[in-house]
Amino acid sequence: MAISTAGTPVRTPDRPMRADARRNYDRLLTEARNSFAEHGTDASLEDVARRAGVGIGTLYRHFPTRHALMSAVFQEAVAALITRSRELAGAEQPCTGLVEWLGALITHAGEYRGLAQALMSTCRDETSALSPCNVPLREAGSVLLARAQSSGAVRAEVSIDDLMQLTNAIALAAEQSPDDPELAERLLTLTLRGLSSSGPSEPPRD
């Protein structure tokens, strides 16, 4: 597995692929991205393969599981989130940086129907095929959380695993309430009030 310029793991084959295999791989990623956007992450893999012009066996040779395919599809978004975390790590107000990044994480988890649920189920499992998404995000968020805790704005006992599960849960709730576009923001605000070292009655402050 290679490391991208953004610092995230990127799935690469164990050995160089032939040109036709590379074309199949790229077409499968493109069609999976389109299918997930249209139908959610439970989109038919047979349909993905058909749209890419290959057989289902070819899809599984490149991506042994649905989660492996999802991981490859979402690498670009994960790289952007990690880049943003590095920018926010130098924020003058550490808690503000953490809050902004959590909001971006919720947006990512809600980008495709079913993604939030999948991330929740694998958040603590580093052996999961989705770990190339979860592990670098957890590491990036840990830096922001540690700065916010050091500033005294966030309770010391809060963990990045807790925060990632909460953000995924918020994204899932928002996905299930499409008629309430402000729900995610309200739930994030309520969550941050509970994280505040000053008590649950006030949101975290730097």
N, C-alpha and C. Protein backbone atom coordinates (compact mmCIF):
# COMPACT_ATOMS: atom_id res chain seq x y z
N MET A 1 0.85 -1.20 0.00
CA MET A 1 0.00 0.00 0.00
C MET A 1 0.88 1.24 0.00
N ALA A 2 0.65 2.16 -0.91
CA ALA A 2 1.44 3.38 -1.01
C ALA A 2 0.85 4.47 -0.14
N ILE A 3 1.61 5.56 0.00
CA ILE A 3 1.15 6.72 0.76
C ILE A 3 1.05 7.88 -0.20
N SER A 4 -0.11 8.53 -0.19
CA SER A 4 -0.32 9.66 -1.09
C SER A 4 0.43 10.88 -0.60
N THR A 5 0.50 11.92 -1.43
CA THR A 5 1.15 13.16 -1.03
C THR A 5 0.43 13.82 0.12
N ALA A 6 -0.83 13.47 0.34
CA ALA A 6 -1.58 14.03 1.47
C ALA A 6 -1.37 13.22 2.73
N GLY A 7 -0.61 12.12 2.64
CA GLY A 7 -0.32 11.34 3.83
C GLY A 7 -1.28 10.22 4.10
N THR A 8 -2.20 9.94 3.20
CA THR A 8 -3.17 8.88 3.43
C THR A 8 -2.80 7.63 2.65
N PRO A 9 -3.13 6.46 3.22
CA PRO A 9 -2.86 5.22 2.49
C PRO A 9 -3.70 5.16 1.22
N VAL A 10 -3.10 4.72 0.16
CA VAL A 10 -3.81 4.58 -1.10
C VAL A 10 -3.64 3.14 -1.57
N ARG A 11 -4.75 2.48 -1.89
CA ARG A 11 -4.66 1.09 -2.32
C ARG A 11 -3.93 1.00 -3.63
N THR A 12 -2.91 0.16 -3.67
CA THR A 12 -2.22 -0.13 -4.91
C THR A 12 -2.10 -1.63 -5.04
N PRO A 13 -2.03 -2.14 -6.24
CA PRO A 13 -1.92 -3.59 -6.42
C PRO A 13 -0.58 -4.09 -5.90
N ASP A 14 -0.50 -5.40 -5.58
CA ASP A 14 0.73 -5.97 -5.08
C ASP A 14 1.85 -5.90 -6.11
N ARG A 15 1.51 -5.89 -7.37
CA ARG A 15 2.50 -5.77 -8.44
C ARG A 15 1.89 -4.91 -9.54
N PRO A 16 2.74 -4.34 -10.40
CA PRO A 16 2.22 -3.45 -11.45
C PRO A 16 1.17 -4.15 -12.30
N MET A 17 0.11 -3.40 -12.63
CA MET A 17 -0.95 -3.96 -13.45
C MET A 17 -0.66 -3.74 -14.93
N ARG A 18 -1.13 -4.66 -15.74
CA ARG A 18 -1.10 -4.45 -17.19
C ARG A 18 -2.00 -3.26 -17.53
N ALA A 19 -1.78 -2.72 -18.72
CA ALA A 19 -2.54 -1.54 -19.13
C ALA A 19 -4.03 -1.81 -19.13
N ASP A 20 -4.45 -3.00 -19.60
CA ASP A 20 -5.88 -3.28 -19.64
C ASP A 20 -6.45 -3.44 -18.23
N ALA A 21 -5.66 -4.03 -17.33
CA ALA A 21 -6.12 -4.17 -15.96
C ALA A 21 -6.24 -2.80 -15.29
N ARG A 22 -5.29 -1.91 -15.58
CA ARG A 22 -5.36 -0.55 -15.01
C ARG A 22 -6.59 0.17 -15.52
N ARG A 23 -6.92 0.00 -16.80
CA ARG A 23 -8.11 0.65 -17.34
C ARG A 23 -9.36 0.11 -16.65
N ASN A 24 -9.41 -1.19 -16.43
CA ASN A 24 -10.55 -1.78 -15.72
C ASN A 24 -10.66 -1.23 -14.30
N TYR A 25 -9.53 -1.14 -13.62
CA TYR A 25 -9.50 -0.63 -12.26
C TYR A 25 -10.05 0.81 -12.22
N ASP A 26 -9.56 1.65 -13.11
CA ASP A 26 -9.99 3.04 -13.14
C ASP A 26 -11.46 3.17 -13.50
N ARG A 27 -11.94 2.36 -14.45
CA ARG A 27 -13.35 2.41 -14.83
C ARG A 27 -14.24 1.96 -13.67
N LEU A 28 -13.80 0.93 -12.96
CA LEU A 28 -14.58 0.45 -11.82
C LEU A 28 -14.70 1.54 -10.75
N LEU A 29 -13.60 2.24 -10.48
CA LEU A 29 -13.67 3.33 -9.49
C LEU A 29 -14.62 4.43 -9.94
N THR A 30 -14.53 4.79 -11.21
CA THR A 30 -15.40 5.85 -11.73
C THR A 30 -16.87 5.45 -11.63
N GLU A 31 -17.19 4.24 -12.05
CA GLU A 31 -18.58 3.81 -12.03
C GLU A 31 -19.07 3.55 -10.60
N ALA A 32 -18.19 3.10 -9.72
CA ALA A 32 -18.59 2.92 -8.32
C ALA A 32 -18.91 4.28 -7.70
N ARG A 33 -18.10 5.28 -8.00
CA ARG A 33 -18.36 6.62 -7.48
C ARG A 33 -19.72 7.13 -7.97
N ASN A 34 -20.00 6.92 -9.25
CA ASN A 34 -21.28 7.35 -9.81
C ASN A 34 -22.45 6.58 -9.19
N SER A 35 -22.28 5.28 -9.03
CA SER A 35 -23.36 4.45 -8.49
C SER A 35 -23.62 4.78 -7.03
N PHE A 36 -22.55 4.99 -6.24
CA PHE A 36 -22.73 5.33 -4.83
C PHE A 36 -23.43 6.67 -4.69
N ALA A 37 -23.09 7.61 -5.57
CA ALA A 37 -23.73 8.93 -5.51
C ALA A 37 -25.21 8.83 -5.86
N GLU A 38 -25.54 7.93 -6.80
CA GLU A 38 -26.91 7.81 -7.27
C GLU A 38 -27.77 6.92 -6.38
N HIS A 39 -27.19 5.83 -5.90
CA HIS A 39 -27.98 4.82 -5.19
C HIS A 39 -27.55 4.60 -3.74
N GLY A 40 -26.46 5.23 -3.30
CA GLY A 40 -25.95 4.97 -1.96
C GLY A 40 -24.92 3.87 -1.97
N THR A 41 -24.29 3.63 -0.82
CA THR A 41 -23.19 2.67 -0.76
C THR A 41 -23.66 1.22 -0.86
N ASP A 42 -24.97 0.99 -0.83
CA ASP A 42 -25.47 -0.37 -1.02
C ASP A 42 -25.85 -0.63 -2.49
N ALA A 43 -25.35 0.22 -3.38
CA ALA A 43 -25.60 0.05 -4.82
C ALA A 43 -25.13 -1.33 -5.26
N SER A 44 -25.79 -1.87 -6.26
CA SER A 44 -25.47 -3.19 -6.77
C SER A 44 -24.05 -3.23 -7.36
N LEU A 45 -23.22 -4.13 -6.84
CA LEU A 45 -21.87 -4.27 -7.39
C LEU A 45 -21.91 -4.88 -8.78
N GLU A 46 -22.91 -5.72 -9.02
CA GLU A 46 -23.08 -6.26 -10.37
C GLU A 46 -23.34 -5.13 -11.37
N ASP A 47 -24.12 -4.13 -10.94
CA ASP A 47 -24.41 -3.00 -11.82
C ASP A 47 -23.16 -2.15 -12.03
N VAL A 48 -22.35 -1.99 -10.97
CA VAL A 48 -21.09 -1.26 -11.11
C VAL A 48 -20.21 -1.93 -12.16
N ALA A 49 -20.09 -3.26 -12.04
CA ALA A 49 -19.26 -4.00 -13.00
C ALA A 49 -19.81 -3.87 -14.42
N ARG A 50 -21.13 -3.98 -14.56
CA ARG A 50 -21.74 -3.87 -15.88
C ARG A 50 -21.48 -2.51 -16.49
N ARG A 51 -21.65 -1.46 -15.70
CA ARG A 51 -21.44 -0.11 -16.20
C ARG A 51 -19.97 0.13 -16.58
N ALA A 52 -19.07 -0.58 -15.89
CA ALA A 52 -17.64 -0.44 -16.20
C ALA A 52 -17.23 -1.31 -17.37
N GLY A 53 -18.16 -2.16 -17.84
CA GLY A 53 -17.87 -3.01 -18.98
C GLY A 53 -17.03 -4.23 -18.65
N VAL A 54 -17.11 -4.69 -17.38
CA VAL A 54 -16.35 -5.88 -16.98
C VAL A 54 -17.28 -6.85 -16.26
N GLY A 55 -16.79 -8.05 -16.01
CA GLY A 55 -17.56 -9.02 -15.26
C GLY A 55 -17.40 -8.81 -13.76
N ILE A 56 -18.33 -9.39 -12.98
CA ILE A 56 -18.27 -9.23 -11.54
C ILE A 56 -17.00 -9.84 -10.96
N GLY A 57 -16.48 -10.89 -11.62
CA GLY A 57 -15.23 -11.50 -11.16
C GLY A 57 -14.07 -10.53 -11.24
N THR A 58 -14.03 -9.71 -12.28
CA THR A 58 -12.98 -8.70 -12.42
C THR A 58 -13.08 -7.68 -11.30
N LEU A 59 -14.30 -7.26 -10.97
CA LEU A 59 -14.48 -6.32 -9.86
C LEU A 59 -13.92 -6.90 -8.57
N TYR A 60 -14.25 -8.16 -8.28
CA TYR A 60 -13.80 -8.76 -7.03
C TYR A 60 -12.30 -9.04 -7.03
N ARG A 61 -11.70 -9.20 -8.17
CA ARG A 61 -10.24 -9.35 -8.19
C ARG A 61 -9.56 -8.07 -7.76
N HIS A 62 -10.12 -6.94 -8.13
CA HIS A 62 -9.55 -5.65 -7.73
C HIS A 62 -10.00 -5.24 -6.32
N PHE A 63 -11.25 -5.52 -6.00
CA PHE A 63 -11.83 -5.10 -4.73
C PHE A 63 -12.56 -6.28 -4.11
N PRO A 64 -11.91 -7.03 -3.23
CA PRO A 64 -12.48 -8.28 -2.70
C PRO A 64 -13.79 -8.11 -1.95
N THR A 65 -14.03 -6.92 -1.39
CA THR A 65 -15.26 -6.67 -0.63
C THR A 65 -15.84 -5.32 -1.01
N ARG A 66 -17.08 -5.12 -0.64
CA ARG A 66 -17.72 -3.81 -0.86
C ARG A 66 -16.94 -2.71 -0.14
N HIS A 67 -16.53 -2.99 1.11
CA HIS A 67 -15.81 -1.99 1.89
C HIS A 67 -14.47 -1.64 1.25
N ALA A 68 -13.82 -2.62 0.61
CA ALA A 68 -12.57 -2.33 -0.08
C ALA A 68 -12.80 -1.36 -1.23
N LEU A 69 -13.90 -1.54 -1.95
CA LEU A 69 -14.24 -0.63 -3.04
C LEU A 69 -14.59 0.74 -2.49
N MET A 70 -15.36 0.78 -1.40
CA MET A 70 -15.71 2.06 -0.79
C MET A 70 -14.46 2.81 -0.34
N SER A 71 -13.53 2.10 0.26
CA SER A 71 -12.29 2.73 0.72
C SER A 71 -11.56 3.40 -0.43
N ALA A 72 -11.46 2.70 -1.55
CA ALA A 72 -10.77 3.27 -2.71
C ALA A 72 -11.50 4.49 -3.25
N VAL A 73 -12.83 4.41 -3.28
CA VAL A 73 -13.64 5.52 -3.79
C VAL A 73 -13.47 6.77 -2.94
N PHE A 74 -13.36 6.61 -1.62
CA PHE A 74 -13.38 7.76 -0.72
C PHE A 74 -12.00 8.31 -0.38
N GLN A 75 -10.93 7.75 -1.00
CA GLN A 75 -9.59 8.21 -0.66
C GLN A 75 -9.38 9.70 -0.92
N GLU A 76 -9.96 10.19 -2.00
CA GLU A 76 -9.77 11.61 -2.34
C GLU A 76 -10.36 12.51 -1.26
N ALA A 77 -11.56 12.17 -0.79
CA ALA A 77 -12.19 12.95 0.27
C ALA A 77 -11.41 12.86 1.57
N VAL A 78 -10.89 11.67 1.87
CA VAL A 78 -10.10 11.48 3.09
C VAL A 78 -8.84 12.33 3.03
N ALA A 79 -8.18 12.34 1.87
CA ALA A 79 -6.97 13.15 1.72
C ALA A 79 -7.27 14.62 1.96
N ALA A 80 -8.41 15.10 1.47
CA ALA A 80 -8.79 16.50 1.67
C ALA A 80 -9.04 16.80 3.15
N LEU A 81 -9.65 15.87 3.86
CA LEU A 81 -9.91 16.06 5.28
C LEU A 81 -8.60 16.10 6.08
N ILE A 82 -7.65 15.27 5.69
CA ILE A 82 -6.37 15.27 6.40
C ILE A 82 -5.60 16.55 6.12
N THR A 83 -5.65 17.00 4.89
CA THR A 83 -5.01 18.27 4.55
C THR A 83 -5.62 19.40 5.37
N ARG A 84 -6.95 19.40 5.49
CA ARG A 84 -7.63 20.44 6.27
C ARG A 84 -7.25 20.35 7.74
N SER A 85 -7.09 19.15 8.27
CA SER A 85 -6.72 19.01 9.68
C SER A 85 -5.34 19.61 9.93
N ARG A 86 -4.44 19.47 8.98
CA ARG A 86 -3.10 20.03 9.13
C ARG A 86 -3.15 21.55 9.11
N GLU A 87 -4.02 22.10 8.28
CA GLU A 87 -4.18 23.55 8.26
C GLU A 87 -4.75 24.05 9.58
N LEU A 88 -5.73 23.33 10.11
CA LEU A 88 -6.39 23.76 11.34
C LEU A 88 -5.54 23.50 12.58
N ALA A 89 -4.52 22.64 12.45
CA ALA A 89 -3.66 22.34 13.60
C ALA A 89 -2.88 23.57 14.05
N GLY A 90 -2.78 24.56 13.18
CA GLY A 90 -2.09 25.79 13.55
C GLY A 90 -3.05 26.92 13.88
N ALA A 91 -4.33 26.60 14.03
CA ALA A 91 -5.33 27.65 14.32
C ALA A 91 -5.04 28.32 15.65
N GLU A 92 -5.28 29.62 15.69
CA GLU A 92 -5.04 30.38 16.92
C GLU A 92 -5.95 29.89 18.05
N GLN A 93 -7.17 29.47 17.70
CA GLN A 93 -8.10 28.95 18.69
C GLN A 93 -8.29 27.45 18.44
N PRO A 94 -7.62 26.61 19.23
CA PRO A 94 -7.64 25.16 19.00
C PRO A 94 -9.03 24.55 18.95
N CYS A 95 -9.92 25.01 19.82
CA CYS A 95 -11.26 24.42 19.84
C CYS A 95 -12.04 24.77 18.57
N THR A 96 -11.84 25.98 18.08
CA THR A 96 -12.50 26.38 16.84
C THR A 96 -12.04 25.49 15.69
N GLY A 97 -10.74 25.18 15.67
CA GLY A 97 -10.22 24.30 14.64
C GLY A 97 -10.83 22.92 14.73
N LEU A 98 -10.96 22.40 15.94
CA LEU A 98 -11.55 21.08 16.12
C LEU A 98 -13.00 21.07 15.66
N VAL A 99 -13.76 22.09 16.03
CA VAL A 99 -15.17 22.16 15.66
C VAL A 99 -15.33 22.22 14.14
N GLU A 100 -14.50 23.03 13.49
CA GLU A 100 -14.60 23.14 12.03
C GLU A 100 -14.30 21.81 11.37
N TRP A 101 -13.29 21.10 11.89
CA TRP A 101 -12.93 19.82 11.29
C TRP A 101 -14.02 18.77 11.51
N LEU A 102 -14.62 18.77 12.69
CA LEU A 102 -15.71 17.82 12.95
C LEU A 102 -16.88 18.08 12.00
N GLY A 103 -17.15 19.34 11.73
CA GLY A 103 -18.20 19.67 10.78
C GLY A 103 -17.89 19.14 9.39
N ALA A 104 -16.61 19.24 8.99
CA ALA A 104 -16.21 18.71 7.68
C ALA A 104 -16.32 17.19 7.66
N LEU A 105 -16.03 16.56 8.80
CA LEU A 105 -16.14 15.11 8.89
C LEU A 105 -17.59 14.66 8.74
N ILE A 106 -18.51 15.42 9.34
CA ILE A 106 -19.94 15.11 9.22
C ILE A 106 -20.38 15.24 7.76
N THR A 107 -19.90 16.27 7.09
CA THR A 107 -20.24 16.46 5.68
C THR A 107 -19.75 15.28 4.85
N HIS A 108 -18.53 14.83 5.12
CA HIS A 108 -17.99 13.68 4.39
C HIS A 108 -18.81 12.42 4.65
N ALA A 109 -19.12 12.16 5.93
CA ALA A 109 -19.86 10.95 6.27
C ALA A 109 -21.27 10.96 5.67
N GLY A 110 -21.80 12.14 5.43
CA GLY A 110 -23.14 12.23 4.86
C GLY A 110 -23.17 12.38 3.35
N GLU A 111 -21.98 12.31 2.73
CA GLU A 111 -21.91 12.55 1.29
C GLU A 111 -22.63 11.49 0.48
N TYR A 112 -22.54 10.24 0.92
CA TYR A 112 -23.20 9.13 0.23
C TYR A 112 -24.14 8.42 1.19
N ARG A 113 -25.32 8.13 0.76
CA ARG A 113 -26.27 7.41 1.60
C ARG A 113 -25.69 6.05 2.00
N GLY A 114 -25.65 5.79 3.28
CA GLY A 114 -25.13 4.52 3.79
C GLY A 114 -23.70 4.60 4.26
N LEU A 115 -22.98 5.68 3.92
CA LEU A 115 -21.58 5.78 4.32
C LEU A 115 -21.45 5.96 5.83
N ALA A 116 -22.29 6.80 6.43
CA ALA A 116 -22.20 7.04 7.87
C ALA A 116 -22.38 5.74 8.65
N GLN A 117 -23.35 4.93 8.25
CA GLN A 117 -23.59 3.65 8.92
C GLN A 117 -22.39 2.72 8.77
N ALA A 118 -21.81 2.68 7.59
CA ALA A 118 -20.65 1.82 7.36
C ALA A 118 -19.47 2.27 8.19
N LEU A 119 -19.25 3.58 8.29
CA LEU A 119 -18.14 4.09 9.08
C LEU A 119 -18.35 3.83 10.56
N MET A 120 -19.59 3.93 11.02
CA MET A 120 -19.88 3.64 12.42
C MET A 120 -19.55 2.21 12.77
N SER A 121 -19.87 1.29 11.88
CA SER A 121 -19.68 -0.13 12.16
C SER A 121 -18.22 -0.55 12.13
N THR A 122 -17.36 0.26 11.51
CA THR A 122 -15.95 -0.11 11.38
C THR A 122 -15.01 0.86 12.08
N CYS A 123 -15.56 1.84 12.79
CA CYS A 123 -14.75 2.92 13.35
C CYS A 123 -13.64 2.41 14.26
N ARG A 124 -13.91 1.38 15.05
CA ARG A 124 -12.93 0.88 16.01
C ARG A 124 -12.19 -0.36 15.50
N ASP A 125 -12.42 -0.75 14.27
CA ASP A 125 -11.84 -1.98 13.75
C ASP A 125 -10.74 -1.65 12.75
N GLU A 126 -9.48 -1.72 13.18
CA GLU A 126 -8.38 -1.36 12.32
C GLU A 126 -8.09 -2.43 11.27
N THR A 127 -8.72 -3.60 11.39
CA THR A 127 -8.53 -4.66 10.40
C THR A 127 -9.57 -4.56 9.27
N SER A 128 -10.53 -3.66 9.41
CA SER A 128 -11.57 -3.53 8.40
C SER A 128 -10.99 -2.99 7.10
N ALA A 129 -11.66 -3.34 6.00
CA ALA A 129 -11.24 -2.81 4.70
C ALA A 129 -11.45 -1.31 4.61
N LEU A 130 -12.24 -0.74 5.51
CA LEU A 130 -12.42 0.71 5.54
C LEU A 130 -11.38 1.40 6.41
N SER A 131 -10.47 0.65 7.04
CA SER A 131 -9.47 1.26 7.90
C SER A 131 -8.57 2.26 7.18
N PRO A 132 -8.30 2.11 5.85
CA PRO A 132 -7.54 3.15 5.17
C PRO A 132 -8.24 4.51 5.22
N CYS A 133 -9.56 4.54 5.47
CA CYS A 133 -10.27 5.79 5.68
C CYS A 133 -10.24 6.19 7.15
N ASN A 134 -10.56 5.24 8.03
CA ASN A 134 -10.73 5.56 9.45
C ASN A 134 -9.43 5.87 10.18
N VAL A 135 -8.40 5.05 9.96
CA VAL A 135 -7.18 5.20 10.74
C VAL A 135 -6.51 6.56 10.53
N PRO A 136 -6.25 7.00 9.30
CA PRO A 136 -5.61 8.32 9.14
C PRO A 136 -6.50 9.46 9.61
N LEU A 137 -7.82 9.32 9.50
CA LEU A 137 -8.71 10.36 10.01
C LEU A 137 -8.64 10.42 11.53
N ARG A 138 -8.59 9.27 12.17
CA ARG A 138 -8.49 9.25 13.62
C ARG A 138 -7.19 9.89 14.09
N GLU A 139 -6.10 9.60 13.38
CA GLU A 139 -4.82 10.19 13.74
C GLU A 139 -4.83 11.71 13.55
N ALA A 140 -5.44 12.15 12.45
CA ALA A 140 -5.51 13.60 12.19
C ALA A 140 -6.37 14.29 13.24
N GLY A 141 -7.52 13.69 13.57
CA GLY A 141 -8.39 14.29 14.57
C GLY A 141 -7.80 14.30 15.95
N SER A 142 -6.96 13.31 16.25
CA SER A 142 -6.34 13.23 17.58
C SER A 142 -5.46 14.46 17.85
N VAL A 143 -4.80 14.94 16.81
CA VAL A 143 -3.94 16.13 16.97
C VAL A 143 -4.79 17.34 17.34
N LEU A 144 -5.90 17.52 16.63
CA LEU A 144 -6.77 18.66 16.90
C LEU A 144 -7.42 18.55 18.28
N LEU A 145 -7.84 17.34 18.63
CA LEU A 145 -8.46 17.13 19.94
C LEU A 145 -7.46 17.41 21.06
N ALA A 146 -6.23 16.94 20.91
CA ALA A 146 -5.22 17.15 21.95
C ALA A 146 -4.96 18.64 22.17
N ARG A 147 -4.94 19.42 21.09
CA ARG A 147 -4.73 20.86 21.22
C ARG A 147 -5.90 21.51 21.95
N ALA A 148 -7.11 21.08 21.61
CA ALA A 148 -8.29 21.65 22.27
C ALA A 148 -8.32 21.28 23.75
N GLN A 149 -7.91 20.06 24.07
CA GLN A 149 -7.86 19.64 25.47
C GLN A 149 -6.77 20.39 26.22
N SER A 150 -5.63 20.60 25.59
CA SER A 150 -4.54 21.33 26.23
C SER A 150 -4.92 22.78 26.52
N SER A 151 -5.81 23.33 25.69
CA SER A 151 -6.25 24.71 25.90
C SER A 151 -7.29 24.80 27.02
N GLY A 152 -7.77 23.65 27.49
CA GLY A 152 -8.76 23.63 28.56
C GLY A 152 -10.19 23.74 28.08
N ALA A 153 -10.40 23.68 26.76
CA ALA A 153 -11.75 23.88 26.23
C ALA A 153 -12.56 22.59 26.18
N VAL A 154 -11.88 21.44 26.13
CA VAL A 154 -12.56 20.16 25.99
C VAL A 154 -12.14 19.24 27.13
N ARG A 155 -13.09 18.47 27.62
CA ARG A 155 -12.83 17.55 28.72
C ARG A 155 -11.68 16.60 28.39
N ALA A 156 -10.87 16.29 29.38
CA ALA A 156 -9.69 15.45 29.17
C ALA A 156 -10.05 14.01 28.82
N GLU A 157 -11.21 13.54 29.28
CA GLU A 157 -11.57 12.14 29.07
C GLU A 157 -12.16 11.86 27.69
N VAL A 158 -12.40 12.89 26.90
CA VAL A 158 -12.97 12.71 25.56
C VAL A 158 -11.92 12.07 24.65
N SER A 159 -12.32 11.06 23.88
CA SER A 159 -11.40 10.39 22.95
C SER A 159 -11.80 10.67 21.51
N ILE A 160 -10.83 10.53 20.61
CA ILE A 160 -11.14 10.76 19.20
C ILE A 160 -12.09 9.69 18.68
N ASP A 161 -12.03 8.46 19.22
CA ASP A 161 -12.98 7.43 18.80
C ASP A 161 -14.40 7.83 19.14
N ASP A 162 -14.58 8.42 20.33
CA ASP A 162 -15.91 8.89 20.72
C ASP A 162 -16.40 9.96 19.74
N LEU A 163 -15.51 10.89 19.40
CA LEU A 163 -15.90 11.99 18.51
C LEU A 163 -16.26 11.47 17.12
N MET A 164 -15.49 10.52 16.63
CA MET A 164 -15.79 10.01 15.29
C MET A 164 -17.10 9.24 15.27
N GLN A 165 -17.37 8.48 16.32
CA GLN A 165 -18.65 7.79 16.39
C GLN A 165 -19.80 8.80 16.47
N LEU A 166 -19.62 9.85 17.24
CA LEU A 166 -20.66 10.87 17.36
C LEU A 166 -20.90 11.58 16.03
N THR A 167 -19.83 11.93 15.32
CA THR A 167 -20.02 12.63 14.05
C THR A 167 -20.69 11.72 13.02
N ASN A 168 -20.32 10.44 13.02
CA ASN A 168 -20.99 9.51 12.11
C ASN A 168 -22.47 9.36 12.46
N ALA A 169 -22.77 9.34 13.77
CA ALA A 169 -24.16 9.23 14.20
C ALA A 169 -24.95 10.47 13.79
N ILE A 170 -24.33 11.64 13.89
CA ILE A 170 -24.99 12.87 13.48
C ILE A 170 -25.26 12.85 11.97
N ALA A 171 -24.27 12.40 11.21
CA ALA A 171 -24.45 12.32 9.75
C ALA A 171 -25.57 11.34 9.41
N LEU A 172 -25.64 10.23 10.14
CA LEU A 172 -26.69 9.25 9.89
C LEU A 172 -28.06 9.84 10.22
N ALA A 173 -28.16 10.56 11.34
CA ALA A 173 -29.43 11.19 11.71
C ALA A 173 -29.86 12.21 10.66
N ALA A 174 -28.90 12.99 10.16
CA ALA A 174 -29.22 13.98 9.13
C ALA A 174 -29.66 13.31 7.83
N GLU A 175 -29.02 12.18 7.50
CA GLU A 175 -29.39 11.44 6.30
C GLU A 175 -30.83 10.95 6.38
N GLN A 176 -31.25 10.57 7.56
CA GLN A 176 -32.60 10.05 7.75
C GLN A 176 -33.64 11.15 7.94
N SER A 177 -33.20 12.41 8.00
CA SER A 177 -34.12 13.54 8.14
C SER A 177 -33.82 14.58 7.06
N PRO A 178 -33.98 14.24 5.79
CA PRO A 178 -33.61 15.16 4.72
C PRO A 178 -34.41 16.45 4.70
N ASP A 179 -35.56 16.47 5.36
CA ASP A 179 -36.38 17.68 5.37
C ASP A 179 -35.93 18.68 6.43
N ASP A 180 -34.89 18.34 7.18
CA ASP A 180 -34.39 19.22 8.24
C ASP A 180 -32.90 19.48 7.99
N PRO A 181 -32.57 20.39 7.06
CA PRO A 181 -31.17 20.61 6.67
C PRO A 181 -30.29 21.16 7.78
N GLU A 182 -30.88 21.70 8.85
CA GLU A 182 -30.09 22.27 9.94
C GLU A 182 -29.89 21.29 11.08
N LEU A 183 -30.38 20.06 10.93
CA LEU A 183 -30.30 19.09 12.02
C LEU A 183 -28.86 18.78 12.40
N ALA A 184 -27.99 18.55 11.43
CA ALA A 184 -26.61 18.19 11.73
C ALA A 184 -25.93 19.28 12.54
N GLU A 185 -26.14 20.53 12.17
CA GLU A 185 -25.51 21.63 12.90
C GLU A 185 -26.04 21.70 14.33
N ARG A 186 -27.34 21.50 14.52
CA ARG A 186 -27.89 21.54 15.87
C ARG A 186 -27.34 20.41 16.73
N LEU A 187 -27.27 19.22 16.15
CA LEU A 187 -26.76 18.07 16.91
C LEU A 187 -25.29 18.24 17.25
N LEU A 188 -24.52 18.81 16.33
CA LEU A 188 -23.10 19.05 16.61
C LEU A 188 -22.96 20.05 17.75
N THR A 189 -23.79 21.09 17.75
CA THR A 189 -23.75 22.08 18.83
C THR A 189 -24.07 21.43 20.18
N LEU A 190 -25.08 20.58 20.20
CA LEU A 190 -25.43 19.88 21.44
C LEU A 190 -24.29 18.98 21.90
N THR A 191 -23.66 18.31 20.95
CA THR A 191 -22.54 17.43 21.29
C THR A 191 -21.40 18.23 21.90
N LEU A 192 -21.09 19.37 21.32
CA LEU A 192 -19.98 20.18 21.80
C LEU A 192 -20.25 20.75 23.19
N ARG A 193 -21.51 20.99 23.49
CA ARG A 193 -21.84 21.44 24.84
C ARG A 193 -21.48 20.36 25.87
N GLY A 194 -21.69 19.11 25.50
CA GLY A 194 -21.36 18.02 26.41
C GLY A 194 -19.86 17.79 26.54
N LEU A 195 -19.08 18.20 25.54
CA LEU A 195 -17.64 18.02 25.58
C LEU A 195 -16.93 19.12 26.36
N SER A 196 -17.63 20.22 26.58
CA SER A 196 -17.02 21.40 27.16
C SER A 196 -16.51 21.14 28.57
N SER A 197 -15.29 21.58 28.83
CA SER A 197 -14.73 21.46 30.17
C SER A 197 -15.39 22.41 31.16
N SER A 198 -16.14 23.39 30.62
CA SER A 198 -16.83 24.34 31.49
C SER A 198 -18.18 23.86 31.93
N GLY A 199 -18.59 22.67 31.42
CA GLY A 199 -19.86 22.10 31.83
C GLY A 199 -20.81 21.99 30.67
N PRO A 200 -21.86 21.19 30.79
CA PRO A 200 -22.78 20.95 29.68
C PRO A 200 -23.66 22.12 29.32
N SER A 201 -23.69 23.17 30.13
CA SER A 201 -24.57 24.28 29.86
C SER A 201 -24.00 25.25 28.83
N GLU A 202 -22.69 25.15 28.56
CA GLU A 202 -22.07 26.08 27.64
C GLU A 202 -21.25 25.31 26.61
N PRO A 203 -21.21 25.82 25.37
CA PRO A 203 -20.38 25.16 24.37
C PRO A 203 -18.91 25.40 24.66
N PRO A 204 -18.00 24.57 24.13
CA PRO A 204 -16.57 24.76 24.36
C PRO A 204 -16.11 26.12 23.88
N ARG A 205 -15.23 26.73 24.66
CA ARG A 205 -14.64 28.01 24.27
C ARG A 205 -13.14 27.93 24.41
N ASP A 206 -12.44 28.66 23.52
CA ASP A 206 -10.98 28.72 23.65
C ASP A 206 -10.62 29.76 24.70
